[in-house]
């Protein structure tokens, strides 16, 4: 039984050593290779203490030598790095583009990618075995244990359960789905599941058009319509994980009708035959068409989108609205929406096009998976 902690009690020598080792590991995660002197400077600990930490980590086979520091006067210092094969992180996506599994090392370098095509729309019974097989293949070929996994799915996710929330007119998944249960059984690690547009927002906040912004609204226009809300630098999901579902916001559709935004595309005959999914090829062709009838329809679409966005802007007051997706990124469309939004919203929000493209949900999931894997490694070191 662990002794109770006493107020004012000095930390034990073991605790101090664990904290020192954690600091060393964190620096090697950030910088790849460092000498003992560089580790001491970066952590603020003494050189003898840094050297003792490196020795312990060498003995534990967590750190390995990585060559000599040449070109300086005096004795050559030895570089150290985290031992290869300590662990990997997986980023998994399931959507109209198929099932994709990326594996990363603990410093965020991608090690490999597996891709499997799936039909769209699809039900859970057909998607589940493809997803499990892809994750199992990535786990089997990984150069180390899987420490974390982040999953991007084309649909809203209940964060309390990790299950997809069934919404009407879903363009990809036709029923409820529980990827967290399936994947954790294969990887034996913690699995985080979120909507693809939320992962896109994380990627854009970290590396793209949302850098430097603590509040923004990201709107995605593809086979489906979605949005992600970023407040205080974090994604806001709502009580059931469906906050920001722009597709279901009322707007002004063709002929001045009051319709949900998604239903406007049925009225414009821009859905795939026999499906609730938007016909991406048809709308991209329309948005690129310069003939008068196409220009009129393009303005009508931009106005409907801007009216729906204006409702969110009035409630959220974001610093910016990011627009992307397979047809949302068509040149000129974001600018047209910006013009229409300026006429409809009292509150001002800068409109930007996303920068990272169609792979951004996978990038966002990868960022989270790597951070989680790093945290697992550091926490395990502290428990050792």
Protein backbone atom coordinates (compact mmCIF):
# COMPACT_ATOMS: atom_id res chain seq x y z
CA UNK A 1 0.00 0.00 0.00
CA UNK A 2 1.33 3.45 -0.97
CA UNK A 3 2.06 5.75 1.96
CA UNK A 4 -0.23 8.78 2.19
CA UNK A 5 1.17 12.07 0.95
CA UNK A 6 1.94 14.50 3.77
CA UNK A 7 1.56 18.27 3.30
CA UNK A 8 5.00 19.83 2.88
CA UNK A 9 6.63 16.43 2.32
CA UNK A 10 9.82 16.64 0.24
CA UNK A 11 9.84 14.69 -3.05
CA UNK A 12 11.62 11.34 -2.92
CA UNK A 13 14.81 10.68 -4.89
CA UNK A 14 12.92 8.27 -7.17
CA UNK A 15 10.33 10.93 -7.95
CA UNK A 16 13.03 13.48 -8.79
CA UNK A 17 14.70 10.95 -11.09
CA UNK A 18 11.40 10.19 -12.82
CA UNK A 19 10.70 13.87 -13.40
CA UNK A 20 14.21 14.39 -14.77
CA UNK A 21 13.84 11.43 -17.12
CA UNK A 22 10.46 12.77 -18.30
CA UNK A 23 12.06 16.13 -19.13
CA UNK A 24 14.82 14.41 -21.09
CA UNK A 25 12.30 12.30 -23.03
CA UNK A 26 10.20 15.37 -23.86
CA UNK A 27 13.24 17.14 -25.30
CA UNK A 28 14.21 14.14 -27.41
CA UNK A 29 10.65 13.98 -28.74
CA UNK A 30 11.00 17.59 -29.83
CA UNK A 31 14.54 17.58 -31.23
CA UNK A 32 15.35 14.02 -32.39
CA UNK A 33 19.06 13.98 -31.40
CA UNK A 34 20.77 15.88 -28.58
CA UNK A 35 24.02 15.67 -26.61
CA UNK A 36 24.08 15.52 -22.82
CA UNK A 37 25.18 19.16 -22.71
CA UNK A 38 22.30 20.17 -24.99
CA UNK A 39 19.85 18.22 -22.86
CA UNK A 40 21.10 19.98 -19.74
CA UNK A 41 20.71 23.39 -21.41
CA UNK A 42 17.21 22.65 -22.72
CA UNK A 43 15.87 21.18 -19.47
CA UNK A 44 17.63 23.59 -17.13
CA UNK A 45 19.14 20.77 -15.09
CA UNK A 46 22.83 20.32 -14.33
CA UNK A 47 25.11 18.43 -16.71
CA UNK A 48 25.84 15.65 -14.16
CA UNK A 49 22.11 15.18 -13.54
CA UNK A 50 21.40 15.10 -17.29
CA UNK A 51 24.19 12.55 -17.76
CA UNK A 52 22.75 10.33 -15.02
CA UNK A 53 19.33 10.49 -16.67
CA UNK A 54 20.79 9.52 -20.05
CA UNK A 55 22.59 6.59 -18.42
CA UNK A 56 19.37 5.34 -16.83
CA UNK A 57 17.49 5.67 -20.12
CA UNK A 58 20.28 3.83 -21.97
CA UNK A 59 20.12 0.99 -19.45
CA UNK A 60 16.33 0.87 -19.84
CA UNK A 61 16.74 0.72 -23.67
CA UNK A 62 14.59 3.83 -24.12
CA UNK A 63 17.47 5.94 -25.49
CA UNK A 64 20.28 4.95 -27.88
CA UNK A 65 23.46 6.56 -29.16
CA UNK A 66 23.19 8.36 -32.51
CA UNK A 67 26.75 9.33 -33.46
CA UNK A 68 29.39 11.83 -32.39
CA UNK A 69 29.21 15.62 -32.38
CA UNK A 70 32.02 16.62 -34.73
CA UNK A 71 33.48 19.98 -35.75
CA UNK A 72 33.86 21.46 -32.25
CA UNK A 73 36.94 21.98 -30.12
CA UNK A 74 37.50 19.63 -27.25
CA UNK A 75 36.21 16.11 -26.74
CA UNK A 76 33.47 15.06 -29.14
CA UNK A 77 30.07 14.82 -27.54
CA UNK A 78 27.77 11.86 -28.19
CA UNK A 79 24.33 12.39 -29.68
CA UNK A 80 21.40 10.50 -28.19
CA UNK A 81 17.93 9.79 -29.51
CA UNK A 82 14.88 7.77 -28.57
CA UNK A 83 15.30 4.14 -29.49
CA UNK A 84 13.51 3.20 -32.69
CA UNK A 85 10.53 0.92 -32.17
CA UNK A 86 9.36 2.34 -28.83
CA UNK A 87 5.90 2.80 -30.23
CA UNK A 88 3.77 4.09 -33.06
CA UNK A 89 0.59 6.11 -33.47
CA UNK A 90 -2.20 5.29 -35.92
CA UNK A 91 -4.47 7.74 -37.73
CA UNK A 92 -7.50 6.09 -39.34
CA UNK A 93 -10.14 7.60 -41.59
CA UNK A 94 -13.35 6.15 -43.01
CA UNK A 95 -15.30 8.16 -45.55
CA UNK A 96 -16.34 8.37 -49.19
CA UNK A 97 -12.67 8.27 -50.19
CA UNK A 98 -12.26 4.86 -48.54
CA UNK A 99 -10.52 3.57 -45.43
CA UNK A 100 -7.03 4.99 -44.84
CA UNK A 101 -4.60 4.03 -42.07
CA UNK A 102 -1.42 6.05 -41.50
CA UNK A 103 1.26 5.00 -39.04
CA UNK A 104 3.57 7.54 -37.39
CA UNK A 105 6.63 7.35 -35.20
CA UNK A 106 6.73 9.19 -31.88
CA UNK A 107 8.11 12.34 -33.50
CA UNK A 108 5.29 12.57 -36.04
CA UNK A 109 7.10 11.16 -39.08
CA UNK A 110 4.78 9.08 -41.21
CA UNK A 111 6.00 5.52 -41.55
CA UNK A 112 3.43 4.10 -43.94
CA UNK A 113 -0.07 4.25 -45.36
CA UNK A 114 -2.68 1.59 -46.14
CA UNK A 115 -5.71 2.38 -48.31
CA UNK A 116 -8.86 0.36 -49.02
CA UNK A 117 -11.70 1.48 -51.28
CA UNK A 118 -15.27 1.20 -50.00
CA UNK A 119 -18.58 2.04 -51.68
CA UNK A 120 -20.47 5.16 -50.64
CA UNK A 121 -22.98 5.12 -49.08
CA UNK A 122 -22.25 2.06 -46.94
CA UNK A 123 -23.66 0.38 -43.86
CA UNK A 124 -21.82 -0.67 -40.71
CA UNK A 125 -21.98 -4.38 -41.56
CA UNK A 126 -19.93 -3.87 -44.73
CA UNK A 127 -17.61 -1.16 -43.40
CA UNK A 128 -16.62 -2.90 -40.14
CA UNK A 129 -14.60 -5.82 -41.57
CA UNK A 130 -12.73 -3.53 -43.98
CA UNK A 131 -11.83 -1.18 -41.14
CA UNK A 132 -10.73 -3.97 -38.82
CA UNK A 133 -8.60 -5.66 -41.51
CA UNK A 134 -6.89 -2.38 -42.39
CA UNK A 135 -6.07 -1.57 -38.76
CA UNK A 136 -4.90 -5.12 -38.09
CA UNK A 137 -2.56 -4.97 -41.10
CA UNK A 138 -1.10 -1.66 -39.92
CA UNK A 139 -0.68 -2.99 -36.37
CA UNK A 140 1.01 -6.18 -37.54
CA UNK A 141 3.52 -4.31 -39.73
CA UNK A 142 4.21 -1.53 -37.20
CA UNK A 143 7.83 -1.31 -35.95
CA UNK A 144 6.71 -1.25 -32.33
CA UNK A 145 3.59 -1.37 -30.17
CA UNK A 146 0.64 0.82 -31.08
CA UNK A 147 0.35 3.41 -28.29
CA UNK A 148 -2.57 5.44 -29.59
CA UNK A 149 -5.10 5.68 -32.38
CA UNK A 150 -7.24 8.56 -33.66
CA UNK A 151 -10.15 7.86 -36.00
CA UNK A 152 -11.82 10.24 -38.45
CA UNK A 153 -15.28 9.28 -39.68
CA UNK A 154 -17.59 11.07 -42.10
CA UNK A 155 -20.40 11.66 -39.63
CA UNK A 156 -21.10 13.23 -36.23
CA UNK A 157 -19.73 11.36 -33.21
CA UNK A 158 -21.08 11.12 -29.67
CA UNK A 159 -17.95 11.81 -27.62
CA UNK A 160 -19.35 9.98 -24.57
CA UNK A 161 -19.60 6.67 -26.43
CA UNK A 162 -17.42 7.01 -29.52
CA UNK A 163 -20.42 5.99 -31.64
CA UNK A 164 -21.59 7.78 -34.74
CA UNK A 165 -24.85 9.68 -34.37
CA UNK A 166 -27.38 8.74 -37.03
CA UNK A 167 -28.71 11.81 -38.84
CA UNK A 168 -31.15 11.96 -41.76
CA UNK A 169 -29.70 12.40 -45.26
CA UNK A 170 -26.26 11.14 -44.22
CA UNK A 171 -24.21 10.80 -47.44
CA UNK A 172 -21.81 8.07 -46.25
CA UNK A 173 -22.93 5.88 -43.34
CA UNK A 174 -26.46 4.54 -43.43
CA UNK A 175 -26.75 3.40 -39.82
CA UNK A 176 -25.09 3.66 -36.40
CA UNK A 177 -21.46 2.65 -36.12
CA UNK A 178 -19.05 2.03 -33.22
CA UNK A 179 -15.46 2.20 -34.56
CA UNK A 180 -13.99 2.76 -31.09
CA UNK A 181 -15.01 -0.71 -29.93
CA UNK A 182 -13.81 -2.41 -33.12
CA UNK A 183 -10.40 -0.75 -33.26
CA UNK A 184 -9.53 -0.88 -29.56
CA UNK A 185 -10.05 -4.64 -29.69
CA UNK A 186 -7.33 -4.85 -32.37
CA UNK A 187 -4.82 -2.26 -31.12
CA UNK A 188 -5.27 -2.72 -27.34
CA UNK A 189 -4.80 1.03 -26.89
CA UNK A 190 -6.94 4.08 -26.30
CA UNK A 191 -8.91 5.12 -29.40
CA UNK A 192 -10.24 8.64 -30.02
CA UNK A 193 -13.03 9.03 -32.58
CA UNK A 194 -14.28 12.28 -34.08
CA UNK A 195 -16.01 13.77 -37.09
CA UNK A 196 -13.85 14.35 -40.16
CA UNK A 197 -14.63 18.08 -40.26
CA UNK A 198 -13.54 18.46 -36.61
CA UNK A 199 -10.23 16.80 -37.47
CA UNK A 200 -9.94 19.14 -40.45
CA UNK A 201 -10.40 22.10 -38.10
CA UNK A 202 -7.61 20.80 -35.83
CA UNK A 203 -5.27 20.48 -38.82
CA UNK A 204 -6.11 23.94 -40.14
CA UNK A 205 -5.67 25.43 -36.64
CA UNK A 206 -2.26 23.80 -36.28
CA UNK A 207 -0.85 24.08 -39.81
CA UNK A 208 -3.28 25.86 -42.12
CA UNK A 209 -5.66 28.80 -42.53
CA UNK A 210 -6.66 28.77 -38.85
CA UNK A 211 -3.18 29.37 -37.44
CA UNK A 212 -3.24 32.19 -34.93
CA UNK A 213 -7.03 32.08 -34.57
CA UNK A 214 -8.67 31.00 -31.32
CA UNK A 215 -12.22 31.28 -32.69
CA UNK A 216 -13.31 30.27 -36.16
CA UNK A 217 -16.01 28.40 -38.04
CA UNK A 218 -14.92 25.85 -40.65
CA UNK A 219 -17.48 24.97 -43.32
CA UNK A 220 -17.04 21.85 -45.45
CA UNK A 221 -18.81 21.36 -48.78
CA UNK A 222 -18.49 17.97 -50.42
CA UNK A 223 -20.80 14.97 -50.81
CA UNK A 224 -22.20 16.22 -47.51
CA UNK A 225 -22.20 19.58 -45.76
CA UNK A 226 -20.68 20.03 -42.33
CA UNK A 227 -18.97 22.52 -40.12
CA UNK A 228 -16.67 22.62 -37.12
CA UNK A 229 -16.69 25.25 -34.39
CA UNK A 230 -13.38 26.22 -32.78
CA UNK A 231 -13.65 28.25 -29.57
CA UNK A 232 -10.67 29.07 -27.38
CA UNK A 233 -8.45 27.02 -29.68
CA UNK A 234 -10.47 23.81 -29.12
CA UNK A 235 -13.28 22.16 -31.07
CA UNK A 236 -16.73 22.69 -29.56
CA UNK A 237 -18.88 19.62 -30.19
CA UNK A 238 -22.11 20.22 -28.26
CA UNK A 239 -23.87 17.82 -25.91
CA UNK A 240 -24.35 15.07 -28.51
CA UNK A 241 -21.39 15.78 -30.76
CA UNK A 242 -23.46 17.42 -33.51
CA UNK A 243 -22.81 21.13 -32.91
CA UNK A 244 -22.39 23.10 -36.11
CA UNK A 245 -24.32 20.85 -38.50
CA UNK A 246 -24.72 23.50 -41.18
CA UNK A 247 -26.64 21.16 -43.49
CA UNK A 248 -29.72 21.43 -41.30
CA UNK A 249 -29.74 25.21 -40.86
CA UNK A 250 -32.70 26.95 -42.51
CA UNK A 251 -31.86 29.24 -45.40
CA UNK A 252 -33.40 30.88 -48.45
CA UNK A 253 -33.45 28.40 -51.28
CA UNK A 254 -34.55 28.46 -54.94
CA UNK A 255 -37.55 30.66 -55.62
CA UNK A 256 -37.22 32.27 -52.20
CA UNK A 257 -38.35 29.10 -50.38
CA UNK A 258 -37.35 28.55 -46.77
CA UNK A 259 -35.46 25.24 -46.80
CA UNK A 260 -32.73 23.47 -44.92
CA UNK A 261 -29.46 24.08 -46.71
CA UNK A 262 -29.05 20.43 -47.72
CA UNK A 263 -32.58 20.29 -49.14
CA UNK A 264 -31.76 23.18 -51.48
CA UNK A 265 -29.52 20.85 -53.48
CA UNK A 266 -32.38 18.46 -54.09
CA UNK A 267 -34.44 21.39 -55.39
CA UNK A 268 -31.54 22.37 -57.67
CA UNK A 269 -31.26 18.72 -58.84
CA UNK A 270 -27.67 18.56 -57.61
CA UNK A 271 -27.87 15.29 -55.68
CA UNK A 272 -26.57 11.95 -56.87
CA UNK A 273 -29.35 9.80 -58.37
CA UNK A 274 -31.09 7.75 -55.66
CA UNK A 275 -28.92 9.25 -52.94
CA UNK A 276 -28.88 12.06 -50.38
CA UNK A 277 -25.27 12.86 -51.33
CA UNK A 278 -24.50 16.01 -53.29
CA UNK A 279 -23.30 15.34 -56.85
CA UNK A 280 -19.77 16.70 -56.56
CA UNK A 281 -18.93 16.48 -60.27
CA UNK A 282 -22.15 18.26 -61.27
CA UNK A 283 -21.72 21.12 -58.84
CA UNK A 284 -18.02 21.59 -59.65
CA UNK A 285 -18.94 21.80 -63.34
CA UNK A 286 -21.68 24.31 -62.55
CA UNK A 287 -19.40 26.50 -60.42
CA UNK A 288 -16.81 26.61 -63.21
CA UNK A 289 -19.38 27.40 -65.94
CA UNK A 290 -19.40 31.03 -67.17
CA UNK A 291 -22.69 30.93 -69.08
CA UNK A 292 -25.43 33.28 -67.77
CA UNK A 293 -27.73 30.53 -66.45
CA UNK A 294 -24.83 28.89 -64.57
CA UNK A 295 -23.70 32.23 -63.13
CA UNK A 296 -27.24 32.88 -61.87
CA UNK A 297 -27.34 29.47 -60.19
CA UNK A 298 -23.87 29.97 -58.71
CA UNK A 299 -24.98 33.23 -57.10
CA UNK A 300 -28.10 31.47 -55.78
CA UNK A 301 -26.02 28.69 -54.22
CA UNK A 302 -23.56 31.16 -52.67
CA UNK A 303 -26.47 33.18 -51.27
CA UNK A 304 -28.06 30.10 -49.67
CA UNK A 305 -24.74 29.06 -48.16
CA UNK A 306 -24.00 32.58 -46.90
CA UNK A 307 -27.45 32.90 -45.32
CA UNK A 308 -26.93 29.66 -43.40
CA UNK A 309 -23.44 30.73 -42.32
CA UNK A 310 -24.78 34.13 -41.21
CA UNK A 311 -26.95 32.38 -38.60
CA UNK A 312 -23.87 30.72 -37.10
CA UNK A 313 -21.86 33.94 -37.24
CA UNK A 314 -24.61 35.77 -35.36
CA UNK A 315 -24.49 33.20 -32.55
CA UNK A 316 -20.75 32.45 -32.40
CA UNK A 317 -19.12 35.73 -33.47
CA UNK A 318 -16.06 33.92 -34.89
CA UNK A 319 -12.96 35.79 -36.04
CA UNK A 320 -13.06 33.98 -39.38
CA UNK A 321 -15.02 31.54 -41.51
CA UNK A 322 -12.90 28.90 -43.28
CA UNK A 323 -14.39 27.35 -46.41
CA UNK A 324 -13.25 24.13 -48.04
CA UNK A 325 -14.27 20.75 -49.32
CA UNK A 326 -14.28 19.04 -52.70
CA UNK A 327 -16.46 21.75 -54.25
CA UNK A 328 -16.21 24.42 -51.57
CA UNK A 329 -12.59 24.94 -52.63
CA UNK A 330 -13.49 25.69 -56.27
CA UNK A 331 -11.74 28.99 -57.16
CA UNK A 332 -14.01 31.96 -56.68
CA UNK A 333 -16.66 30.22 -54.58
CA UNK A 334 -15.32 31.32 -51.17
CA UNK A 335 -15.02 34.86 -52.48
CA UNK A 336 -18.64 34.78 -53.70
CA UNK A 337 -19.79 33.51 -50.31
CA UNK A 338 -17.78 36.28 -48.62
CA UNK A 339 -19.56 38.93 -50.70
CA UNK A 340 -22.95 37.43 -49.93
CA UNK A 341 -22.12 37.07 -46.23
CA UNK A 342 -21.13 40.73 -45.99
CA UNK A 343 -24.64 41.66 -47.17
CA UNK A 344 -26.39 39.30 -44.73
CA UNK A 345 -24.43 39.47 -41.47
CA UNK A 346 -24.25 42.46 -39.15
CA UNK A 347 -21.21 40.88 -37.47
CA UNK A 348 -18.06 40.79 -39.55
CA UNK A 349 -16.04 37.62 -40.03
CA UNK A 350 -13.13 37.24 -42.41
CA UNK A 351 -13.68 34.48 -44.98
CA UNK A 352 -10.65 32.30 -45.79
CA UNK A 353 -10.16 29.24 -47.96
CA UNK A 354 -8.71 26.20 -46.20
CA UNK A 355 -5.08 25.47 -47.04
CA UNK A 356 -4.49 21.77 -46.43
CA UNK A 357 -6.77 20.13 -48.99
CA UNK A 358 -8.63 16.85 -48.93
CA UNK A 359 -6.15 15.04 -46.67
CA UNK A 360 -6.64 17.49 -43.79
CA UNK A 361 -8.93 15.25 -41.66
CA UNK A 362 -6.23 12.58 -41.76
CA UNK A 363 -3.59 15.19 -40.89
CA UNK A 364 -5.66 16.32 -37.89
CA UNK A 365 -6.17 12.76 -36.69
CA UNK A 366 -2.44 12.13 -37.08
CA UNK A 367 -1.57 15.18 -34.98
CA UNK A 368 -3.81 13.95 -32.16
CA UNK A 369 -2.59 10.35 -32.40
CA UNK A 370 1.08 11.40 -32.16
CA UNK A 371 0.44 13.69 -29.19
CA UNK A 372 -1.46 10.91 -27.42
CA UNK A 373 1.33 8.39 -28.11
CA UNK A 374 3.93 10.78 -26.73
CA UNK A 375 1.83 11.25 -23.60
CA UNK A 376 1.53 7.49 -23.17
CA UNK A 377 5.31 7.07 -23.42
CA UNK A 378 5.99 9.83 -20.86
CA UNK A 379 3.31 8.54 -18.48
CA UNK A 380 4.66 4.99 -18.64
CA UNK A 381 8.13 6.31 -17.84
CA UNK A 382 6.73 8.00 -14.76
CA UNK A 383 5.11 4.74 -13.64
CA UNK A 384 8.27 2.72 -14.17
